[in-house]
Amino acid sequence: MSKIEDLKAELQYNQKMYEVAKNNLDICKENLEDAQMEFRIGEVERVLEGMETLNRLGVTENFDRYITHCVNCLHGNIDGVVISIDKDIEKAKAESEGE
């Protein structure tokens, strides 16, 4: 094989490797976007369910913060952030049981 044929073969090999890598990257990007959306939905559902519990217990002082968190979560501004509503629920339940 001549030098130019070797170079052409190497070029074609690298082009194929590039296409494979690009396709894998596209798949990874889609998987990441799916995971982000699932997380966003899950976090908003969790917070809204917590707000429902707090509302039932008559505790609504942090609702603005929770709503802002949900909006930011849905817009993708805070991917991976989990708000600590569970502590507020536990505290409200303890206070309502203590009355």
Protein backbone atom coordinates (compact mmCIF):
# COMPACT_ATOMS: atom_id res chain seq x y z
CA MET A 1 0.00 0.00 0.00
CA SER A 2 1.34 3.42 -0.88
CA LYS A 3 1.72 6.22 1.62
CA ILE A 4 -1.31 8.11 0.21
CA GLU A 5 -3.44 4.98 0.42
CA ASP A 6 -2.41 4.56 4.06
CA LEU A 7 -3.28 8.19 4.77
CA LYS A 8 -6.64 7.81 3.02
CA ALA A 9 -7.44 4.67 5.01
CA GLU A 10 -6.50 6.46 8.23
CA LEU A 11 -8.68 9.43 7.28
CA GLN A 12 -11.66 7.17 6.52
CA TYR A 13 -11.16 5.31 9.79
CA ASN A 14 -11.09 8.58 11.76
CA GLN A 15 -14.17 9.84 9.93
CA LYS A 16 -16.04 6.67 10.93
CA MET A 17 -14.81 7.00 14.52
CA TYR A 18 -16.00 10.60 14.56
CA GLU A 19 -19.46 9.59 13.34
CA VAL A 20 -19.70 6.84 15.97
CA ALA A 21 -18.64 9.26 18.71
CA LYS A 22 -21.08 11.90 17.46
CA ASN A 23 -23.94 9.39 17.46
CA ASN A 24 -23.02 8.26 20.97
CA LEU A 25 -22.90 11.87 22.11
CA ASP A 26 -26.35 12.50 20.63
CA ILE A 27 -27.70 9.45 22.47
CA CYS A 28 -26.09 10.58 25.73
CA LYS A 29 -27.54 14.07 25.29
CA GLU A 30 -31.03 12.64 24.75
CA ASN A 31 -30.64 10.41 27.82
CA LEU A 32 -29.48 13.37 29.88
CA GLU A 33 -32.41 15.51 28.74
CA ASP A 34 -34.84 12.69 29.56
CA ALA A 35 -33.30 12.25 33.02
CA GLN A 36 -33.42 16.00 33.67
CA MET A 37 -37.10 16.14 32.71
CA GLU A 38 -37.95 13.14 34.89
CA PHE A 39 -36.11 14.73 37.82
CA ARG A 40 -37.89 18.05 37.32
CA ILE A 41 -41.29 16.39 37.20
CA GLY A 42 -40.51 14.22 40.22
CA GLU A 43 -39.26 17.12 42.30
CA VAL A 44 -42.26 19.31 41.45
CA GLU A 45 -44.67 16.47 42.25
CA ARG A 46 -42.91 15.86 45.58
CA VAL A 47 -43.05 19.54 46.53
CA LEU A 48 -46.69 19.94 45.48
CA GLU A 49 -47.68 16.86 47.48
CA GLY A 50 -45.80 18.31 50.45
CA MET A 51 -47.58 21.62 50.00
CA GLU A 52 -50.91 19.77 49.99
CA THR A 53 -50.01 18.15 53.30
CA LEU A 54 -48.85 21.44 54.79
CA ASN A 55 -52.00 23.20 53.58
CA ARG A 56 -54.13 20.52 55.21
CA LEU A 57 -52.21 21.14 58.45
CA GLY A 58 -52.75 24.92 58.08
CA VAL A 59 -49.08 25.76 57.50
CA THR A 60 -48.65 27.97 54.43
CA GLU A 61 -45.92 30.48 55.32
CA ASN A 62 -43.28 29.02 52.96
CA PHE A 63 -45.55 28.51 49.97
CA ASP A 64 -43.97 31.37 48.02
CA ARG A 65 -40.57 29.72 48.39
CA TYR A 66 -41.96 26.33 47.31
CA ILE A 67 -43.74 27.78 44.28
CA THR A 68 -40.59 29.66 43.24
CA HIS A 69 -38.62 26.43 43.59
CA CYS A 70 -41.12 24.55 41.40
CA VAL A 71 -41.05 27.23 38.69
CA ASN A 72 -37.25 27.29 38.68
CA CYS A 73 -37.17 23.50 38.60
CA LEU A 74 -39.54 23.31 35.62
CA HIS A 75 -37.52 25.93 33.74
CA GLY A 76 -34.33 23.95 34.32
CA ASN A 77 -32.67 26.72 36.30
CA ILE A 78 -31.82 24.47 39.25
CA ASP A 79 -31.39 20.92 37.96
CA GLY A 80 -30.46 18.59 40.79
CA VAL A 81 -31.64 20.86 43.59
CA VAL A 82 -33.95 19.23 46.11
CA ILE A 83 -35.79 21.52 48.53
CA SER A 84 -36.15 20.49 52.18
CA ILE A 85 -39.93 20.44 52.48
CA ASP A 86 -39.91 17.14 54.38
CA LYS A 87 -38.56 18.77 57.53
CA ASP A 88 -41.35 21.36 57.43
CA ILE A 89 -43.93 18.58 57.05
CA GLU A 90 -42.51 16.62 59.97
CA LYS A 91 -42.47 19.76 62.12
CA ALA A 92 -46.06 20.65 61.18
CA LYS A 93 -47.28 17.12 61.88
CA ALA A 94 -45.54 17.11 65.26
CA GLU A 95 -47.08 20.47 66.15
CA SER A 96 -50.55 19.38 65.07
CA GLU A 97 -50.28 16.16 67.10
CA GLY A 98 -49.05 18.13 70.12
CA GLU A 99 -52.07 20.43 70.20
